[in-house]
Amino acid sequence: MPEISRFLGIIIAMYYNDHNPPHFHAKYGDFEAVIAIDTGEVVEGRLPPRVLGLVQEWREYHKTELTGDWDLARDRKVLKKIEPLE
């Protein structure tokens, strides 16, 4: 699972050729959640509320890049790194 961003102890990654809806994986310590790119819905798992808020803020800034990486992942191409939350 390629890592596409990392910030404040949060790892953001995507699997190649993963199932719909378009999403990414956010890991923080022992927590992991699958987050829908378009809506920000937590599809599976959970994150602490503060961490989820940071991930949601980052997602809002980078929706276009996330969608681009999703398309690359579906085609099994190299994913592009995305800037961390500052």
N, C-alpha and C. Protein backbone atom coordinates (compact mmCIF):
# COMPACT_ATOMS: atom_id res chain seq x y z
N MET A 1 0.86 -1.17 0.00
CA MET A 1 0.00 0.00 0.00
C MET A 1 0.91 1.23 0.00
N PRO A 2 0.98 1.94 -1.12
CA PRO A 2 1.85 3.11 -1.21
C PRO A 2 1.39 4.27 -0.32
N GLU A 3 2.35 4.82 0.39
CA GLU A 3 2.10 6.00 1.21
C GLU A 3 2.11 7.23 0.31
N ILE A 4 1.08 8.07 0.41
CA ILE A 4 1.03 9.26 -0.43
C ILE A 4 1.22 10.55 0.36
N SER A 5 1.08 10.48 1.69
CA SER A 5 1.34 11.64 2.52
C SER A 5 1.53 11.19 3.97
N ARG A 6 2.18 12.07 4.74
CA ARG A 6 2.38 11.80 6.17
C ARG A 6 2.47 13.14 6.88
N PHE A 7 1.70 13.28 7.96
CA PHE A 7 1.74 14.51 8.74
C PHE A 7 1.23 14.24 10.14
N LEU A 8 1.88 14.86 11.12
CA LEU A 8 1.44 14.80 12.52
C LEU A 8 1.19 13.37 13.00
N GLY A 9 2.01 12.44 12.54
CA GLY A 9 1.87 11.03 12.93
C GLY A 9 0.81 10.27 12.17
N ILE A 10 0.18 10.91 11.18
CA ILE A 10 -0.88 10.29 10.38
C ILE A 10 -0.28 9.85 9.05
N ILE A 11 -0.55 8.61 8.66
CA ILE A 11 -0.08 8.09 7.37
C ILE A 11 -1.29 7.96 6.45
N ILE A 12 -1.16 8.52 5.25
CA ILE A 12 -2.21 8.44 4.24
C ILE A 12 -1.70 7.55 3.12
N ALA A 13 -2.50 6.54 2.73
CA ALA A 13 -2.08 5.58 1.72
C ALA A 13 -3.26 5.14 0.86
N MET A 14 -2.92 4.52 -0.27
CA MET A 14 -3.93 3.94 -1.17
C MET A 14 -3.44 2.57 -1.61
N TYR A 15 -4.39 1.66 -1.79
CA TYR A 15 -4.08 0.35 -2.38
C TYR A 15 -4.24 0.45 -3.89
N TYR A 16 -3.45 -0.35 -4.61
CA TYR A 16 -3.63 -0.45 -6.06
C TYR A 16 -4.89 -1.25 -6.36
N ASN A 17 -5.63 -0.80 -7.38
CA ASN A 17 -6.81 -1.50 -7.89
C ASN A 17 -7.80 -1.86 -6.76
N ASP A 18 -8.06 -0.91 -5.87
CA ASP A 18 -8.95 -1.13 -4.72
C ASP A 18 -10.41 -0.98 -5.15
N HIS A 19 -11.32 -1.39 -4.28
CA HIS A 19 -12.76 -1.36 -4.54
C HIS A 19 -13.31 0.07 -4.48
N ASN A 20 -14.46 0.28 -5.11
CA ASN A 20 -15.16 1.57 -5.03
C ASN A 20 -15.89 1.67 -3.70
N PRO A 21 -16.27 2.83 -3.22
CA PRO A 21 -16.08 4.14 -3.82
C PRO A 21 -14.62 4.59 -3.70
N PRO A 22 -14.20 5.57 -4.51
CA PRO A 22 -12.83 6.09 -4.40
C PRO A 22 -12.54 6.53 -2.96
N HIS A 23 -11.43 6.06 -2.42
CA HIS A 23 -11.14 6.31 -1.01
C HIS A 23 -9.64 6.23 -0.76
N PHE A 24 -9.26 6.60 0.46
CA PHE A 24 -7.88 6.44 0.91
C PHE A 24 -7.91 5.88 2.33
N HIS A 25 -6.77 5.40 2.77
CA HIS A 25 -6.63 4.83 4.10
C HIS A 25 -5.83 5.81 4.96
N ALA A 26 -6.31 6.08 6.16
CA ALA A 26 -5.60 6.94 7.10
C ALA A 26 -5.27 6.10 8.33
N LYS A 27 -3.98 6.10 8.70
CA LYS A 27 -3.53 5.33 9.87
C LYS A 27 -2.93 6.28 10.89
N TYR A 28 -3.25 6.02 12.14
CA TYR A 28 -2.70 6.80 13.24
C TYR A 28 -2.55 5.86 14.43
N GLY A 29 -1.32 5.51 14.76
CA GLY A 29 -1.10 4.54 15.83
C GLY A 29 -1.81 3.24 15.53
N ASP A 30 -2.64 2.78 16.46
CA ASP A 30 -3.40 1.53 16.27
C ASP A 30 -4.73 1.74 15.56
N PHE A 31 -5.03 2.97 15.17
CA PHE A 31 -6.29 3.29 14.50
C PHE A 31 -6.10 3.32 12.99
N GLU A 32 -7.14 2.92 12.28
CA GLU A 32 -7.14 3.03 10.82
C GLU A 32 -8.57 3.25 10.36
N ALA A 33 -8.70 4.10 9.33
CA ALA A 33 -10.02 4.36 8.75
C ALA A 33 -9.89 4.45 7.24
N VAL A 34 -10.96 4.06 6.57
CA VAL A 34 -11.09 4.21 5.13
C VAL A 34 -12.01 5.41 4.92
N ILE A 35 -11.52 6.41 4.17
CA ILE A 35 -12.24 7.67 4.00
C ILE A 35 -12.59 7.86 2.53
N ALA A 36 -13.87 8.11 2.23
CA ALA A 36 -14.30 8.38 0.86
C ALA A 36 -13.74 9.73 0.42
N ILE A 37 -13.17 9.78 -0.78
CA ILE A 37 -12.56 11.01 -1.28
C ILE A 37 -13.61 12.10 -1.47
N ASP A 38 -14.71 11.80 -2.13
CA ASP A 38 -15.71 12.83 -2.47
C ASP A 38 -16.43 13.39 -1.26
N THR A 39 -16.86 12.54 -0.36
CA THR A 39 -17.73 12.97 0.74
C THR A 39 -17.03 13.11 2.08
N GLY A 40 -15.89 12.45 2.25
CA GLY A 40 -15.23 12.44 3.54
C GLY A 40 -15.83 11.45 4.52
N GLU A 41 -16.81 10.69 4.07
CA GLU A 41 -17.45 9.68 4.92
C GLU A 41 -16.43 8.63 5.36
N VAL A 42 -16.52 8.24 6.63
CA VAL A 42 -15.70 7.13 7.11
C VAL A 42 -16.41 5.85 6.67
N VAL A 43 -15.84 5.18 5.69
CA VAL A 43 -16.44 3.98 5.11
C VAL A 43 -16.23 2.78 6.03
N GLU A 44 -15.09 2.78 6.70
CA GLU A 44 -14.75 1.64 7.56
C GLU A 44 -13.72 2.10 8.58
N GLY A 45 -13.76 1.51 9.77
CA GLY A 45 -12.77 1.80 10.80
C GLY A 45 -13.09 3.07 11.57
N ARG A 46 -12.08 3.56 12.29
CA ARG A 46 -12.27 4.79 13.06
C ARG A 46 -10.93 5.42 13.38
N LEU A 47 -10.99 6.72 13.64
CA LEU A 47 -9.85 7.51 14.08
C LEU A 47 -10.30 8.34 15.28
N PRO A 48 -9.38 8.72 16.16
CA PRO A 48 -9.77 9.64 17.23
C PRO A 48 -10.36 10.92 16.61
N PRO A 49 -11.34 11.54 17.26
CA PRO A 49 -12.02 12.70 16.69
C PRO A 49 -11.07 13.82 16.22
N ARG A 50 -10.07 14.16 17.01
CA ARG A 50 -9.14 15.22 16.62
C ARG A 50 -8.38 14.84 15.35
N VAL A 51 -7.94 13.59 15.27
CA VAL A 51 -7.20 13.10 14.10
C VAL A 51 -8.12 13.08 12.88
N LEU A 52 -9.35 12.62 13.05
CA LEU A 52 -10.30 12.61 11.94
C LEU A 52 -10.52 14.02 11.41
N GLY A 53 -10.61 14.99 12.29
CA GLY A 53 -10.77 16.38 11.87
C GLY A 53 -9.59 16.86 11.03
N LEU A 54 -8.38 16.50 11.42
CA LEU A 54 -7.19 16.87 10.65
C LEU A 54 -7.19 16.20 9.28
N VAL A 55 -7.56 14.92 9.25
CA VAL A 55 -7.62 14.19 7.98
C VAL A 55 -8.67 14.81 7.07
N GLN A 56 -9.81 15.18 7.63
CA GLN A 56 -10.88 15.79 6.82
C GLN A 56 -10.43 17.15 6.26
N GLU A 57 -9.74 17.92 7.08
CA GLU A 57 -9.23 19.21 6.61
C GLU A 57 -8.24 18.99 5.46
N TRP A 58 -7.32 18.05 5.62
CA TRP A 58 -6.34 17.73 4.57
C TRP A 58 -7.06 17.26 3.30
N ARG A 59 -8.08 16.40 3.45
CA ARG A 59 -8.83 15.88 2.29
C ARG A 59 -9.47 17.02 1.51
N GLU A 60 -10.05 17.99 2.20
CA GLU A 60 -10.69 19.13 1.53
C GLU A 60 -9.69 19.88 0.65
N TYR A 61 -8.48 20.08 1.15
CA TYR A 61 -7.45 20.79 0.39
C TYR A 61 -6.96 20.00 -0.81
N HIS A 62 -7.04 18.68 -0.76
CA HIS A 62 -6.36 17.84 -1.75
C HIS A 62 -7.28 16.88 -2.51
N LYS A 63 -8.57 17.20 -2.61
CA LYS A 63 -9.51 16.30 -3.31
C LYS A 63 -9.09 16.00 -4.74
N THR A 64 -8.67 17.02 -5.47
CA THR A 64 -8.29 16.83 -6.87
C THR A 64 -7.09 15.90 -6.98
N GLU A 65 -6.08 16.11 -6.14
CA GLU A 65 -4.90 15.26 -6.16
C GLU A 65 -5.24 13.83 -5.73
N LEU A 66 -6.11 13.70 -4.74
CA LEU A 66 -6.53 12.37 -4.30
C LEU A 66 -7.25 11.62 -5.42
N THR A 67 -8.11 12.32 -6.14
CA THR A 67 -8.82 11.70 -7.26
C THR A 67 -7.83 11.28 -8.34
N GLY A 68 -6.83 12.11 -8.60
CA GLY A 68 -5.79 11.76 -9.57
C GLY A 68 -5.03 10.52 -9.15
N ASP A 69 -4.66 10.44 -7.87
CA ASP A 69 -3.95 9.25 -7.37
C ASP A 69 -4.85 8.02 -7.43
N TRP A 70 -6.15 8.20 -7.15
CA TRP A 70 -7.09 7.07 -7.24
C TRP A 70 -7.07 6.50 -8.66
N ASP A 71 -7.13 7.39 -9.66
CA ASP A 71 -7.11 6.94 -11.06
C ASP A 71 -5.80 6.23 -11.39
N LEU A 72 -4.68 6.76 -10.90
CA LEU A 72 -3.39 6.11 -11.11
C LEU A 72 -3.37 4.72 -10.46
N ALA A 73 -3.89 4.63 -9.24
CA ALA A 73 -3.90 3.36 -8.52
C ALA A 73 -4.76 2.32 -9.24
N ARG A 74 -5.88 2.76 -9.79
CA ARG A 74 -6.75 1.82 -10.53
C ARG A 74 -6.02 1.27 -11.76
N ASP A 75 -5.13 2.08 -12.34
CA ASP A 75 -4.35 1.66 -13.50
C ASP A 75 -3.00 1.05 -13.11
N ARG A 76 -2.78 0.87 -11.80
CA ARG A 76 -1.54 0.30 -11.27
C ARG A 76 -0.31 1.09 -11.69
N LYS A 77 -0.43 2.42 -11.66
CA LYS A 77 0.68 3.31 -11.99
C LYS A 77 1.22 3.92 -10.70
N VAL A 78 2.41 4.48 -10.79
CA VAL A 78 3.05 5.08 -9.62
C VAL A 78 2.22 6.27 -9.13
N LEU A 79 1.95 6.28 -7.83
CA LEU A 79 1.15 7.35 -7.23
C LEU A 79 2.03 8.56 -6.93
N LYS A 80 1.42 9.74 -6.96
CA LYS A 80 2.12 10.98 -6.67
C LYS A 80 1.97 11.32 -5.20
N LYS A 81 3.06 11.79 -4.60
CA LYS A 81 3.01 12.25 -3.21
C LYS A 81 2.16 13.51 -3.14
N ILE A 82 1.47 13.68 -2.02
CA ILE A 82 0.63 14.85 -1.79
C ILE A 82 1.17 15.58 -0.56
N GLU A 83 1.21 16.90 -0.66
CA GLU A 83 1.74 17.72 0.43
C GLU A 83 1.01 17.42 1.75
N PRO A 84 1.75 17.43 2.85
CA PRO A 84 1.12 17.21 4.15
C PRO A 84 0.33 18.43 4.61
N LEU A 85 -0.46 18.25 5.64
CA LEU A 85 -1.18 19.35 6.27
C LEU A 85 -0.17 20.19 7.04
N GLU A 86 -0.25 21.49 6.87
CA GLU A 86 0.69 22.37 7.59
C GLU A 86 -0.02 23.17 8.64
